[in-house]
Amino acid sequence: MVKYLINEEYDVEEPGAAKAFGRGDKREDYADPWRETGNAVLIGLPGSGRAELARLLSGRTDKSVVRPTDAKSAAEALRGRGAIIVLDDRLVDDPEVRPLIHGAGKVFYLMADTRLLSDRVAVREGLEGDEAAEDLWRNLSARLAEVEPTFYGVLHFILQGAQSPEDLVDDALEKIGY
């Protein structure tokens, strides 16, 4: 199944009309999920550096790292407070978990090229040979095509996963206003 970023078509009464921002429509009028929950949620594909960034953020914020393994524990973590939550891509795409993510805290998508991700995963898992690396790259590329629209739908910020987690931690802390 292929998902597309824009799935719905809308009929509008006045196609040429412009919208002016009113009370409640400005960014600063919306609740800040970080202030409400104290959570930071890290999403991305394998190899993007979510786990290491979570460890570094935890050390700088004294918040615990939670890495749910199923939809039930993910929903529980997302309803909780004061944690660094690391979500695997399959949980981000889970229909029970997806609606909870955006409002659970500041959501960071660690975006990176699938070639880089596959190289990192191959090294981490000790995979050898061009064929194994090529298969891994194809699988990650196919998975990205499926799940990236969901990532875009729940994120607050994009971090460049090509950078090391050590290089990203200060940027993430600035974005969560810590």
N, C-alpha and C. Protein backbone atom coordinates (compact mmCIF):
# COMPACT_ATOMS: atom_id res chain seq x y z
N MET A 1 0.84 -1.17 0.00
CA MET A 1 0.00 0.00 0.00
C MET A 1 0.89 1.24 0.00
N VAL A 2 0.58 2.16 -0.86
CA VAL A 2 1.34 3.39 -0.96
C VAL A 2 0.50 4.51 -0.36
N LYS A 3 1.12 5.31 0.46
CA LYS A 3 0.45 6.48 1.03
C LYS A 3 1.00 7.71 0.34
N TYR A 4 0.19 8.72 0.28
CA TYR A 4 0.62 9.98 -0.27
C TYR A 4 0.45 11.06 0.77
N LEU A 5 1.29 12.07 0.71
CA LEU A 5 1.25 13.12 1.71
C LEU A 5 -0.09 13.84 1.70
N ILE A 6 -0.66 14.07 0.53
CA ILE A 6 -1.96 14.71 0.42
C ILE A 6 -2.93 13.66 -0.08
N ASN A 7 -3.84 13.26 0.78
CA ASN A 7 -4.77 12.19 0.44
C ASN A 7 -6.19 12.68 0.18
N GLU A 8 -6.50 13.88 0.54
CA GLU A 8 -7.88 14.33 0.47
C GLU A 8 -8.02 15.53 -0.44
N GLU A 9 -9.17 15.59 -1.09
CA GLU A 9 -9.50 16.70 -1.95
C GLU A 9 -10.67 17.43 -1.31
N TYR A 10 -10.65 18.73 -1.30
CA TYR A 10 -11.69 19.51 -0.66
C TYR A 10 -12.33 20.46 -1.66
N ASP A 11 -13.64 20.61 -1.56
CA ASP A 11 -14.34 21.64 -2.30
C ASP A 11 -14.41 22.86 -1.40
N VAL A 12 -14.11 24.02 -1.95
CA VAL A 12 -14.14 25.23 -1.16
C VAL A 12 -15.14 26.20 -1.77
N GLU A 13 -15.74 27.01 -0.93
CA GLU A 13 -16.76 27.94 -1.40
C GLU A 13 -16.16 29.04 -2.26
N GLU A 14 -15.03 29.58 -1.83
CA GLU A 14 -14.41 30.69 -2.54
C GLU A 14 -12.95 30.36 -2.85
N PRO A 15 -12.67 29.70 -3.98
CA PRO A 15 -11.31 29.26 -4.27
C PRO A 15 -10.27 30.39 -4.31
N GLY A 16 -10.67 31.60 -4.64
CA GLY A 16 -9.71 32.70 -4.72
C GLY A 16 -9.58 33.50 -3.44
N ALA A 17 -10.31 33.15 -2.42
CA ALA A 17 -10.31 33.93 -1.19
C ALA A 17 -9.00 33.76 -0.43
N ALA A 18 -8.62 34.79 0.28
CA ALA A 18 -7.42 34.75 1.13
C ALA A 18 -7.86 34.68 2.58
N LYS A 19 -7.03 34.14 3.43
CA LYS A 19 -7.35 34.03 4.85
C LYS A 19 -6.40 34.91 5.64
N ALA A 20 -6.96 35.72 6.49
CA ALA A 20 -6.15 36.53 7.40
C ALA A 20 -6.16 35.82 8.75
N PHE A 21 -5.05 35.87 9.45
CA PHE A 21 -4.97 35.21 10.75
C PHE A 21 -5.74 36.01 11.79
N GLY A 22 -6.51 35.31 12.56
CA GLY A 22 -7.26 35.91 13.65
C GLY A 22 -6.85 35.26 14.96
N ARG A 23 -7.48 35.67 16.04
CA ARG A 23 -7.18 35.10 17.36
C ARG A 23 -7.30 33.58 17.31
N GLY A 24 -6.30 32.89 17.80
CA GLY A 24 -6.31 31.43 17.82
C GLY A 24 -5.66 30.81 16.60
N ASP A 25 -5.33 31.61 15.61
CA ASP A 25 -4.75 31.08 14.38
C ASP A 25 -3.24 31.29 14.31
N LYS A 26 -2.68 32.06 15.22
CA LYS A 26 -1.24 32.29 15.21
C LYS A 26 -0.53 31.18 15.97
N ARG A 27 0.66 30.89 15.58
CA ARG A 27 1.42 29.83 16.21
C ARG A 27 1.52 30.01 17.73
N GLU A 28 1.74 31.24 18.16
CA GLU A 28 1.91 31.46 19.59
C GLU A 28 0.60 31.28 20.38
N ASP A 29 -0.53 31.20 19.69
CA ASP A 29 -1.80 30.97 20.36
C ASP A 29 -2.06 29.49 20.66
N TYR A 30 -1.29 28.62 20.05
CA TYR A 30 -1.49 27.19 20.26
C TYR A 30 -0.72 26.73 21.49
N ALA A 31 -1.26 25.73 22.16
CA ALA A 31 -0.59 25.17 23.34
C ALA A 31 0.75 24.57 22.93
N ASP A 32 1.72 24.69 23.77
CA ASP A 32 3.03 24.11 23.54
C ASP A 32 3.04 22.72 24.15
N PRO A 33 3.11 21.66 23.33
CA PRO A 33 3.07 20.30 23.87
C PRO A 33 4.18 20.02 24.88
N TRP A 34 5.33 20.66 24.73
CA TRP A 34 6.43 20.43 25.68
C TRP A 34 6.03 20.94 27.06
N ARG A 35 5.47 22.14 27.12
CA ARG A 35 5.08 22.70 28.41
C ARG A 35 3.97 21.87 29.05
N GLU A 36 3.11 21.31 28.23
CA GLU A 36 2.00 20.52 28.74
C GLU A 36 2.46 19.17 29.28
N THR A 37 3.39 18.51 28.57
CA THR A 37 3.77 17.13 28.93
C THR A 37 5.21 16.99 29.39
N GLY A 38 6.10 17.86 28.94
CA GLY A 38 7.51 17.71 29.25
C GLY A 38 8.17 16.59 28.46
N ASN A 39 7.47 16.04 27.46
CA ASN A 39 8.01 14.95 26.65
C ASN A 39 8.70 15.47 25.40
N ALA A 40 9.71 14.75 24.97
CA ALA A 40 10.29 14.91 23.63
C ALA A 40 10.16 13.55 22.97
N VAL A 41 9.65 13.52 21.75
CA VAL A 41 9.41 12.27 21.02
C VAL A 41 10.33 12.25 19.81
N LEU A 42 11.12 11.19 19.69
CA LEU A 42 12.07 11.06 18.59
C LEU A 42 11.57 9.98 17.64
N ILE A 43 11.43 10.35 16.36
CA ILE A 43 10.97 9.41 15.34
C ILE A 43 11.96 9.39 14.18
N GLY A 44 11.95 8.32 13.42
CA GLY A 44 12.82 8.18 12.26
C GLY A 44 13.04 6.72 11.95
N LEU A 45 13.75 6.46 10.90
CA LEU A 45 14.05 5.09 10.48
C LEU A 45 15.25 4.55 11.27
N PRO A 46 15.44 3.24 11.24
CA PRO A 46 16.64 2.65 11.86
C PRO A 46 17.91 3.30 11.30
N GLY A 47 18.85 3.57 12.18
CA GLY A 47 20.12 4.18 11.77
C GLY A 47 20.13 5.69 11.83
N SER A 48 18.99 6.30 12.19
CA SER A 48 18.93 7.77 12.19
C SER A 48 19.54 8.40 13.43
N GLY A 49 19.83 7.61 14.46
CA GLY A 49 20.49 8.13 15.65
C GLY A 49 19.53 8.47 16.78
N ARG A 50 18.29 7.99 16.71
CA ARG A 50 17.30 8.31 17.74
C ARG A 50 17.74 7.86 19.13
N ALA A 51 18.21 6.64 19.26
CA ALA A 51 18.57 6.09 20.58
C ALA A 51 19.72 6.88 21.21
N GLU A 52 20.73 7.19 20.43
CA GLU A 52 21.87 7.94 20.96
C GLU A 52 21.48 9.37 21.31
N LEU A 53 20.68 10.01 20.46
CA LEU A 53 20.21 11.35 20.77
C LEU A 53 19.37 11.33 22.04
N ALA A 54 18.53 10.32 22.21
CA ALA A 54 17.72 10.19 23.42
C ALA A 54 18.61 10.09 24.65
N ARG A 55 19.67 9.30 24.55
CA ARG A 55 20.60 9.15 25.68
C ARG A 55 21.24 10.49 26.03
N LEU A 56 21.66 11.23 25.02
CA LEU A 56 22.29 12.53 25.25
C LEU A 56 21.30 13.54 25.84
N LEU A 57 20.07 13.56 25.31
CA LEU A 57 19.05 14.47 25.84
C LEU A 57 18.72 14.11 27.29
N SER A 58 18.64 12.84 27.57
CA SER A 58 18.36 12.39 28.93
C SER A 58 19.43 12.88 29.90
N GLY A 59 20.67 12.79 29.47
CA GLY A 59 21.78 13.25 30.32
C GLY A 59 21.76 14.74 30.57
N ARG A 60 21.24 15.50 29.62
CA ARG A 60 21.21 16.96 29.76
C ARG A 60 19.94 17.47 30.42
N THR A 61 18.87 16.66 30.42
CA THR A 61 17.58 17.12 30.97
C THR A 61 17.15 16.36 32.21
N ASP A 62 17.87 15.30 32.56
CA ASP A 62 17.49 14.43 33.68
C ASP A 62 16.12 13.78 33.48
N LYS A 63 15.72 13.61 32.23
CA LYS A 63 14.47 12.91 31.92
C LYS A 63 14.81 11.49 31.51
N SER A 64 13.94 10.55 31.83
CA SER A 64 14.20 9.15 31.48
C SER A 64 13.91 8.91 30.00
N VAL A 65 14.57 7.88 29.46
CA VAL A 65 14.33 7.46 28.08
C VAL A 65 13.36 6.29 28.11
N VAL A 66 12.34 6.38 27.28
CA VAL A 66 11.35 5.32 27.16
C VAL A 66 11.35 4.86 25.71
N ARG A 67 11.51 3.55 25.51
CA ARG A 67 11.50 3.00 24.16
C ARG A 67 10.46 1.89 24.10
N PRO A 68 9.20 2.26 23.81
CA PRO A 68 8.13 1.27 23.78
C PRO A 68 8.36 0.21 22.69
N THR A 69 7.87 -0.99 22.96
CA THR A 69 8.04 -2.09 22.00
C THR A 69 6.75 -2.51 21.32
N ASP A 70 5.62 -2.02 21.82
CA ASP A 70 4.34 -2.37 21.21
C ASP A 70 3.39 -1.18 21.32
N ALA A 71 2.24 -1.28 20.66
CA ALA A 71 1.29 -0.17 20.62
C ALA A 71 0.78 0.21 22.01
N LYS A 72 0.54 -0.77 22.84
CA LYS A 72 0.02 -0.49 24.19
C LYS A 72 1.03 0.31 25.01
N SER A 73 2.29 -0.13 25.02
CA SER A 73 3.30 0.60 25.80
C SER A 73 3.61 1.96 25.17
N ALA A 74 3.49 2.06 23.83
CA ALA A 74 3.71 3.35 23.17
C ALA A 74 2.61 4.34 23.58
N ALA A 75 1.37 3.89 23.57
CA ALA A 75 0.26 4.77 23.96
C ALA A 75 0.41 5.21 25.41
N GLU A 76 0.82 4.30 26.26
CA GLU A 76 1.05 4.62 27.68
C GLU A 76 2.15 5.67 27.83
N ALA A 77 3.25 5.48 27.10
CA ALA A 77 4.36 6.44 27.17
C ALA A 77 3.94 7.81 26.65
N LEU A 78 3.18 7.83 25.56
CA LEU A 78 2.76 9.10 24.96
C LEU A 78 1.74 9.84 25.82
N ARG A 79 1.05 9.13 26.66
CA ARG A 79 0.10 9.77 27.59
C ARG A 79 0.79 10.21 28.88
N GLY A 80 2.02 9.75 29.07
CA GLY A 80 2.78 10.09 30.28
C GLY A 80 3.39 11.47 30.21
N ARG A 81 4.24 11.75 31.18
CA ARG A 81 4.86 13.07 31.27
C ARG A 81 6.34 12.95 31.61
N GLY A 82 7.11 13.91 31.07
CA GLY A 82 8.49 14.08 31.46
C GLY A 82 9.46 13.02 31.00
N ALA A 83 9.36 12.59 29.74
CA ALA A 83 10.27 11.55 29.24
C ALA A 83 10.77 11.89 27.84
N ILE A 84 11.84 11.24 27.48
CA ILE A 84 12.33 11.25 26.11
C ILE A 84 11.83 9.93 25.52
N ILE A 85 10.93 9.99 24.56
CA ILE A 85 10.28 8.80 24.00
C ILE A 85 10.85 8.53 22.61
N VAL A 86 11.36 7.32 22.41
CA VAL A 86 11.92 6.91 21.13
C VAL A 86 10.94 5.94 20.49
N LEU A 87 10.40 6.32 19.32
CA LEU A 87 9.43 5.47 18.65
C LEU A 87 10.01 4.88 17.38
N ASP A 88 9.91 3.56 17.25
CA ASP A 88 10.27 2.90 16.01
C ASP A 88 9.26 3.27 14.93
N ASP A 89 9.67 3.21 13.68
CA ASP A 89 8.79 3.62 12.59
C ASP A 89 7.49 2.81 12.54
N ARG A 90 7.54 1.54 12.91
CA ARG A 90 6.31 0.73 12.86
C ARG A 90 5.30 1.22 13.90
N LEU A 91 5.78 1.76 15.03
CA LEU A 91 4.86 2.30 16.03
C LEU A 91 4.30 3.66 15.60
N VAL A 92 5.11 4.47 14.95
CA VAL A 92 4.63 5.75 14.44
C VAL A 92 3.50 5.52 13.45
N ASP A 93 3.60 4.45 12.69
CA ASP A 93 2.61 4.14 11.65
C ASP A 93 1.42 3.33 12.18
N ASP A 94 1.44 2.95 13.45
CA ASP A 94 0.36 2.16 14.03
C ASP A 94 -0.88 3.04 14.20
N PRO A 95 -2.05 2.59 13.74
CA PRO A 95 -3.25 3.42 13.83
C PRO A 95 -3.70 3.75 15.26
N GLU A 96 -3.29 2.97 16.23
CA GLU A 96 -3.63 3.28 17.63
C GLU A 96 -2.67 4.31 18.23
N VAL A 97 -1.45 4.35 17.71
CA VAL A 97 -0.41 5.23 18.27
C VAL A 97 -0.36 6.57 17.55
N ARG A 98 -0.48 6.55 16.25
CA ARG A 98 -0.31 7.76 15.42
C ARG A 98 -1.09 8.97 15.93
N PRO A 99 -2.38 8.85 16.27
CA PRO A 99 -3.12 10.05 16.70
C PRO A 99 -2.63 10.65 18.02
N LEU A 100 -1.87 9.91 18.79
CA LEU A 100 -1.40 10.40 20.08
C LEU A 100 -0.08 11.17 20.00
N ILE A 101 0.66 10.99 18.93
CA ILE A 101 2.04 11.46 18.87
C ILE A 101 2.16 12.98 18.90
N HIS A 102 1.48 13.67 18.00
CA HIS A 102 1.67 15.11 17.84
C HIS A 102 1.42 15.90 19.12
N GLY A 103 0.44 15.49 19.90
CA GLY A 103 0.12 16.21 21.11
C GLY A 103 0.84 15.71 22.36
N ALA A 104 1.74 14.73 22.19
CA ALA A 104 2.40 14.11 23.34
C ALA A 104 3.66 14.84 23.79
N GLY A 105 4.08 15.86 23.08
CA GLY A 105 5.30 16.58 23.39
C GLY A 105 5.90 17.13 22.12
N LYS A 106 7.12 17.62 22.20
CA LYS A 106 7.81 18.08 20.99
C LYS A 106 8.28 16.86 20.21
N VAL A 107 7.90 16.78 18.94
CA VAL A 107 8.20 15.62 18.11
C VAL A 107 9.30 15.99 17.11
N PHE A 108 10.38 15.22 17.15
CA PHE A 108 11.54 15.43 16.28
C PHE A 108 11.67 14.27 15.31
N TYR A 109 11.66 14.57 14.02
CA TYR A 109 11.91 13.57 12.98
C TYR A 109 13.38 13.67 12.60
N LEU A 110 14.14 12.60 12.83
CA LEU A 110 15.54 12.55 12.44
C LEU A 110 15.59 12.06 11.00
N MET A 111 15.67 12.99 10.08
CA MET A 111 15.62 12.70 8.65
C MET A 111 17.03 12.46 8.11
N ALA A 112 17.16 11.39 7.32
CA ALA A 112 18.46 11.12 6.68
C ALA A 112 18.23 10.30 5.42
N ASP A 113 19.18 10.36 4.53
CA ASP A 113 19.18 9.60 3.29
C ASP A 113 19.23 8.10 3.59
N THR A 114 18.47 7.31 2.86
CA THR A 114 18.42 5.87 3.14
C THR A 114 19.74 5.16 2.85
N ARG A 115 20.55 5.70 1.99
CA ARG A 115 21.86 5.09 1.76
C ARG A 115 22.72 5.20 3.03
N LEU A 116 22.72 6.37 3.62
CA LEU A 116 23.45 6.58 4.87
C LEU A 116 22.88 5.69 5.98
N LEU A 117 21.57 5.65 6.09
CA LEU A 117 20.93 4.82 7.11
C LEU A 117 21.28 3.35 6.93
N SER A 118 21.23 2.87 5.70
CA SER A 118 21.53 1.46 5.46
C SER A 118 23.00 1.15 5.77
N ASP A 119 23.89 2.08 5.49
CA ASP A 119 25.30 1.89 5.84
C ASP A 119 25.48 1.80 7.36
N ARG A 120 24.80 2.67 8.09
CA ARG A 120 24.90 2.65 9.55
C ARG A 120 24.34 1.35 10.13
N VAL A 121 23.18 0.92 9.63
CA VAL A 121 22.56 -0.31 10.12
C VAL A 121 23.43 -1.52 9.78
N ALA A 122 24.00 -1.55 8.58
CA ALA A 122 24.86 -2.66 8.18
C ALA A 122 26.06 -2.78 9.11
N VAL A 123 26.67 -1.66 9.44
CA VAL A 123 27.82 -1.67 10.37
C VAL A 123 27.37 -2.14 11.74
N ARG A 124 26.26 -1.58 12.24
CA ARG A 124 25.76 -1.93 13.56
C ARG A 124 25.40 -3.42 13.67
N GLU A 125 24.84 -3.98 12.61
CA GLU A 125 24.41 -5.38 12.64
C GLU A 125 25.45 -6.34 12.09
N GLY A 126 26.61 -5.82 11.70
CA GLY A 126 27.69 -6.66 11.21
C GLY A 126 27.39 -7.33 9.88
N LEU A 127 26.58 -6.69 9.04
CA LEU A 127 26.26 -7.25 7.73
C LEU A 127 27.43 -7.00 6.78
N GLU A 128 27.78 -8.01 6.05
CA GLU A 128 28.89 -7.89 5.10
C GLU A 128 28.42 -8.23 3.70
N GLY A 129 29.06 -7.63 2.73
CA GLY A 129 28.77 -7.93 1.33
C GLY A 129 27.89 -6.88 0.70
N ASP A 130 28.14 -6.68 -0.60
CA ASP A 130 27.39 -5.67 -1.35
C ASP A 130 25.92 -6.04 -1.49
N GLU A 131 25.64 -7.32 -1.63
CA GLU A 131 24.25 -7.75 -1.82
C GLU A 131 23.41 -7.48 -0.57
N ALA A 132 23.96 -7.76 0.60
CA ALA A 132 23.24 -7.51 1.85
C ALA A 132 23.01 -6.01 2.03
N ALA A 133 24.02 -5.21 1.73
CA ALA A 133 23.89 -3.76 1.86
C ALA A 133 22.85 -3.22 0.87
N GLU A 134 22.86 -3.75 -0.33
CA GLU A 134 21.89 -3.31 -1.35
C GLU A 134 20.47 -3.68 -0.95
N ASP A 135 20.28 -4.88 -0.42
CA ASP A 135 18.95 -5.31 0.04
C ASP A 135 18.47 -4.43 1.19
N LEU A 136 19.36 -4.14 2.11
CA LEU A 136 19.02 -3.28 3.24
C LEU A 136 18.61 -1.90 2.75
N TRP A 137 19.38 -1.35 1.82
CA TRP A 137 19.07 -0.04 1.26
C TRP A 137 17.70 -0.04 0.58
N ARG A 138 17.43 -1.05 -0.21
CA ARG A 138 16.13 -1.14 -0.91
C ARG A 138 14.98 -1.24 0.10
N ASN A 139 15.16 -2.04 1.13
CA ASN A 139 14.11 -2.20 2.15
C ASN A 139 13.86 -0.89 2.91
N LEU A 140 14.94 -0.20 3.29
CA LEU A 140 14.77 1.07 3.99
C LEU A 140 14.15 2.13 3.07
N SER A 141 14.51 2.13 1.80
CA SER A 141 13.93 3.08 0.85
C SER A 141 12.44 2.84 0.68
N ALA A 142 12.06 1.57 0.57
CA ALA A 142 10.64 1.23 0.45
C ALA A 142 9.88 1.62 1.72
N ARG A 143 10.49 1.38 2.87
CA ARG A 143 9.84 1.72 4.13
C ARG A 143 9.69 3.23 4.27
N LEU A 144 10.70 3.98 3.85
CA LEU A 144 10.62 5.44 3.91
C LEU A 144 9.46 5.94 3.05
N ALA A 145 9.30 5.39 1.86
CA ALA A 145 8.19 5.80 0.99
C ALA A 145 6.84 5.56 1.66
N GLU A 146 6.74 4.51 2.46
CA GLU A 146 5.49 4.21 3.15
C GLU A 146 5.24 5.11 4.35
N VAL A 147 6.27 5.35 5.15
CA VAL A 147 6.06 5.98 6.46
C VAL A 147 6.38 7.47 6.52
N GLU A 148 7.12 8.00 5.58
CA GLU A 148 7.49 9.41 5.67
C GLU A 148 6.29 10.36 5.68
N PRO A 149 5.23 10.10 4.93
CA PRO A 149 4.06 10.99 5.07
C PRO A 149 3.52 11.02 6.50
N THR A 150 3.56 9.91 7.18
CA THR A 150 3.12 9.87 8.58
C THR A 150 4.08 10.67 9.45
N PHE A 151 5.38 10.53 9.22
CA PHE A 151 6.37 11.33 9.96
C PHE A 151 6.04 12.82 9.83
N TYR A 152 5.79 13.25 8.58
CA TYR A 152 5.48 14.67 8.34
C TYR A 152 4.18 15.09 9.03
N GLY A 153 3.26 14.17 9.16
CA GLY A 153 1.98 14.49 9.78
C GLY A 153 2.03 14.66 11.29
N VAL A 154 3.05 14.12 11.94
CA VAL A 154 3.11 14.18 13.40
C VAL A 154 4.24 15.05 13.94
N LEU A 155 5.17 15.45 13.11
CA LEU A 155 6.37 16.15 13.60
C LEU A 155 6.11 17.59 13.99
N HIS A 156 7.01 18.11 14.81
CA HIS A 156 7.12 19.54 15.07
C HIS A 156 8.40 20.09 14.46
N PHE A 157 9.47 19.27 14.50
CA PHE A 157 10.77 19.70 14.01
C PHE A 157 11.44 18.58 13.24
N ILE A 158 12.26 18.97 12.27
CA ILE A 158 13.11 18.03 11.54
C ILE A 158 14.55 18.28 11.98
N LEU A 159 15.22 17.21 12.35
CA LEU A 159 16.66 17.28 12.63
C LEU A 159 17.37 16.50 11.55
N GLN A 160 18.52 16.96 11.15
CA GLN A 160 19.29 16.31 10.09
C GLN A 160 20.00 15.08 10.64
N GLY A 161 19.41 13.91 10.41
CA GLY A 161 19.95 12.65 10.90
C GLY A 161 21.30 12.29 10.32
N ALA A 162 21.74 13.00 9.29
CA ALA A 162 23.07 12.77 8.73
C ALA A 162 24.14 13.25 9.70
N GLN A 163 23.78 14.19 10.57
CA GLN A 163 24.72 14.68 11.57
C GLN A 163 24.77 13.70 12.73
N SER A 164 25.82 13.76 13.49
CA SER A 164 25.94 12.89 14.65
C SER A 164 25.00 13.38 15.75
N PRO A 165 24.52 12.47 16.60
CA PRO A 165 23.68 12.90 17.72
C PRO A 165 24.35 13.95 18.60
N GLU A 166 25.65 13.87 18.75
CA GLU A 166 26.39 14.88 19.53
C GLU A 166 26.23 16.27 18.91
N ASP A 167 26.16 16.32 17.57
CA ASP A 167 25.98 17.60 16.89
C ASP A 167 24.53 18.08 16.93
N LEU A 168 23.59 17.18 17.19
CA LEU A 168 22.17 17.53 17.19
C LEU A 168 21.61 17.91 18.56
N VAL A 169 22.28 17.49 19.62
CA VAL A 169 21.69 17.63 20.95
C VAL A 169 21.45 19.09 21.32
N ASP A 170 22.36 19.99 21.03
CA ASP A 170 22.15 21.40 21.38
C ASP A 170 21.00 22.00 20.58
N ASP A 171 20.89 21.62 19.30
CA ASP A 171 19.79 22.09 18.47
C ASP A 171 18.45 21.61 19.03
N ALA A 172 18.38 20.34 19.42
CA ALA A 172 17.16 19.79 19.98
C ALA A 172 16.80 20.49 21.30
N LEU A 173 17.79 20.72 22.15
CA LEU A 173 17.53 21.39 23.43
C LEU A 173 17.03 22.81 23.21
N GLU A 174 17.56 23.49 22.21
CA GLU A 174 17.10 24.85 21.91
C GLU A 174 15.64 24.81 21.44
N LYS A 175 15.29 23.82 20.62
CA LYS A 175 13.93 23.73 20.10
C LYS A 175 12.91 23.36 21.18
N ILE A 176 13.31 22.60 22.15
CA ILE A 176 12.36 22.28 23.22
C ILE A 176 12.37 23.37 24.30
N GLY A 177 13.27 24.35 24.14
CA GLY A 177 13.30 25.48 25.06
C GLY A 177 13.79 25.10 26.43
N TYR A 178 14.70 24.14 26.47
CA TYR A 178 15.18 23.67 27.76
C TYR A 178 16.36 24.48 28.21
